[in-house]
Amino acid sequence: MAETYQRVALTLATVTVTGTGATLYTCPTSVSAAIIVGSQIANIDGSNSAVVDFCLDVGGAGTYRYYVKDLTVATGVAISPLNDRHVLEPNDRLAARADTSSGADIILSLLEIT
């Protein structure tokens, strides 16, 4: 079994408040599973709180399950929304969005297992 660490980073500044948000990561079909080992969301807006959604699209089929929904992140604050590791299966998609124009940064650390 081979294991490969991946890092995903995205600024959610340009994502609109409608829909499920920007795709952060899609678990490849070439792996058995991927594990989210760490996550952080930072509000990078200098004056406004950010409201953030972070969800799983199960199998990429449009069935959404939220890790956090309408999470308020104060100005200049960073949080780790996931306390434990989470397993992703092939085709699972992670998506996120923020409601502020200046936005929030989200960073994920993942372990892919082949």
Protein backbone atom coordinates (compact mmCIF):
# COMPACT_ATOMS: atom_id res chain seq x y z
CA MET A 1 0.00 0.00 0.00
CA ALA A 2 1.46 3.32 -1.06
CA GLU A 3 0.65 6.50 0.85
CA THR A 4 1.01 10.02 -0.53
CA TYR A 5 0.38 13.26 1.35
CA GLN A 6 -1.41 16.06 -0.50
CA ARG A 7 -2.07 19.68 0.40
CA VAL A 8 -5.01 21.65 -0.95
CA ALA A 9 -5.26 25.41 -0.51
CA LEU A 10 -7.90 27.78 -1.85
CA THR A 11 -9.06 31.33 -1.25
CA LEU A 12 -12.85 31.41 -1.16
CA ALA A 13 -13.02 35.13 -1.99
CA THR A 14 -14.57 34.76 -5.42
CA VAL A 15 -17.15 32.12 -4.52
CA THR A 16 -20.75 33.30 -4.48
CA VAL A 17 -23.13 32.51 -1.63
CA THR A 18 -25.36 30.40 -3.88
CA GLY A 19 -24.68 26.76 -4.62
CA THR A 20 -22.36 24.44 -2.74
CA GLY A 21 -19.17 26.34 -3.46
CA ALA A 22 -15.83 25.73 -5.05
CA THR A 23 -14.40 22.25 -5.43
CA LEU A 24 -11.42 21.85 -3.10
CA TYR A 25 -10.61 18.24 -3.82
CA THR A 26 -12.04 15.20 -5.56
CA CYS A 27 -10.83 11.82 -4.38
CA PRO A 28 -9.31 10.13 -7.43
CA THR A 29 -10.55 6.77 -8.64
CA SER A 30 -6.90 5.62 -8.68
CA VAL A 31 -6.77 5.50 -4.86
CA SER A 32 -8.50 3.20 -2.36
CA ALA A 33 -9.26 6.11 -0.05
CA ALA A 34 -8.09 9.52 1.05
CA ILE A 35 -8.02 10.71 4.64
CA ILE A 36 -8.42 14.33 5.70
CA VAL A 37 -5.75 14.62 8.39
CA GLY A 38 -6.00 18.37 8.97
CA SER A 39 -8.03 21.42 8.01
CA GLN A 40 -7.91 25.13 8.70
CA ILE A 41 -10.07 28.07 7.69
CA ALA A 42 -8.72 31.60 8.12
CA ASN A 43 -10.69 34.81 7.68
CA ILE A 44 -8.49 37.08 5.56
CA ASP A 45 -10.95 39.96 5.36
CA GLY A 46 -9.59 42.94 7.26
CA SER A 47 -12.92 44.15 8.64
CA ASN A 48 -15.76 41.62 8.24
CA SER A 49 -16.62 38.23 9.68
CA ALA A 50 -16.84 35.42 7.13
CA VAL A 51 -19.61 32.85 7.06
CA VAL A 52 -18.26 29.58 5.66
CA ASP A 53 -19.77 26.29 4.48
CA PHE A 54 -17.60 23.19 4.07
CA CYS A 55 -19.21 20.02 2.72
CA LEU A 56 -18.79 16.56 1.26
CA ASP A 57 -20.48 15.63 -2.01
CA VAL A 58 -20.84 11.87 -1.51
CA GLY A 59 -19.53 10.04 -4.58
CA GLY A 60 -19.73 13.29 -6.56
CA ALA A 61 -23.43 12.56 -7.09
CA GLY A 62 -24.89 15.76 -5.63
CA THR A 63 -25.67 14.33 -2.18
CA TYR A 64 -24.20 16.95 0.16
CA ARG A 65 -23.29 16.41 3.80
CA TYR A 66 -21.92 19.39 5.70
CA TYR A 67 -18.89 19.35 7.96
CA VAL A 68 -19.81 22.95 8.89
CA LYS A 69 -22.67 25.14 7.68
CA ASP A 70 -22.97 28.88 8.28
CA LEU A 71 -19.83 28.85 10.43
CA THR A 72 -18.93 32.41 11.43
CA VAL A 73 -15.19 33.09 11.43
CA ALA A 74 -14.30 36.45 12.98
CA THR A 75 -11.88 38.88 11.36
CA GLY A 76 -8.28 37.75 11.70
CA VAL A 77 -9.24 34.37 13.20
CA ALA A 78 -8.31 30.88 12.01
CA ILE A 79 -10.13 27.72 13.07
CA SER A 80 -9.79 23.99 12.52
CA PRO A 81 -13.31 22.82 11.67
CA LEU A 82 -12.60 19.07 11.83
CA ASN A 83 -11.50 17.51 15.11
CA ASP A 84 -10.91 14.00 13.76
CA ARG A 85 -9.73 12.37 10.59
CA HIS A 86 -12.33 11.82 7.88
CA VAL A 87 -12.22 9.12 5.21
CA LEU A 88 -13.04 9.91 1.59
CA GLU A 89 -13.86 7.30 -1.01
CA PRO A 90 -13.18 7.54 -4.77
CA ASN A 91 -15.23 10.30 -6.45
CA ASP A 92 -16.09 11.98 -3.13
CA ARG A 93 -15.79 15.75 -3.59
CA LEU A 94 -15.01 18.42 -0.99
CA ALA A 95 -16.48 21.88 -1.55
CA ALA A 96 -16.47 25.14 0.39
CA ARG A 97 -17.72 28.71 0.10
CA ALA A 98 -17.59 32.00 1.99
CA ASP A 99 -20.02 34.91 2.01
CA THR A 100 -17.52 37.79 2.05
CA SER A 101 -15.95 39.36 -0.99
CA SER A 102 -12.53 39.40 0.67
CA GLY A 103 -13.10 35.87 1.79
CA ALA A 104 -11.40 33.15 3.68
CA ASP A 105 -8.55 30.77 3.04
CA ILE A 106 -9.04 27.04 3.49
CA ILE A 107 -6.17 24.57 3.70
CA LEU A 108 -6.52 20.79 3.85
CA SER A 109 -3.93 18.10 4.44
CA LEU A 110 -4.85 14.73 2.96
CA LEU A 111 -3.34 11.27 2.86
CA GLU A 112 -4.08 9.26 -0.30
CA ILE A 113 -3.84 5.49 0.01
CA THR A 114 -3.41 3.35 -3.12
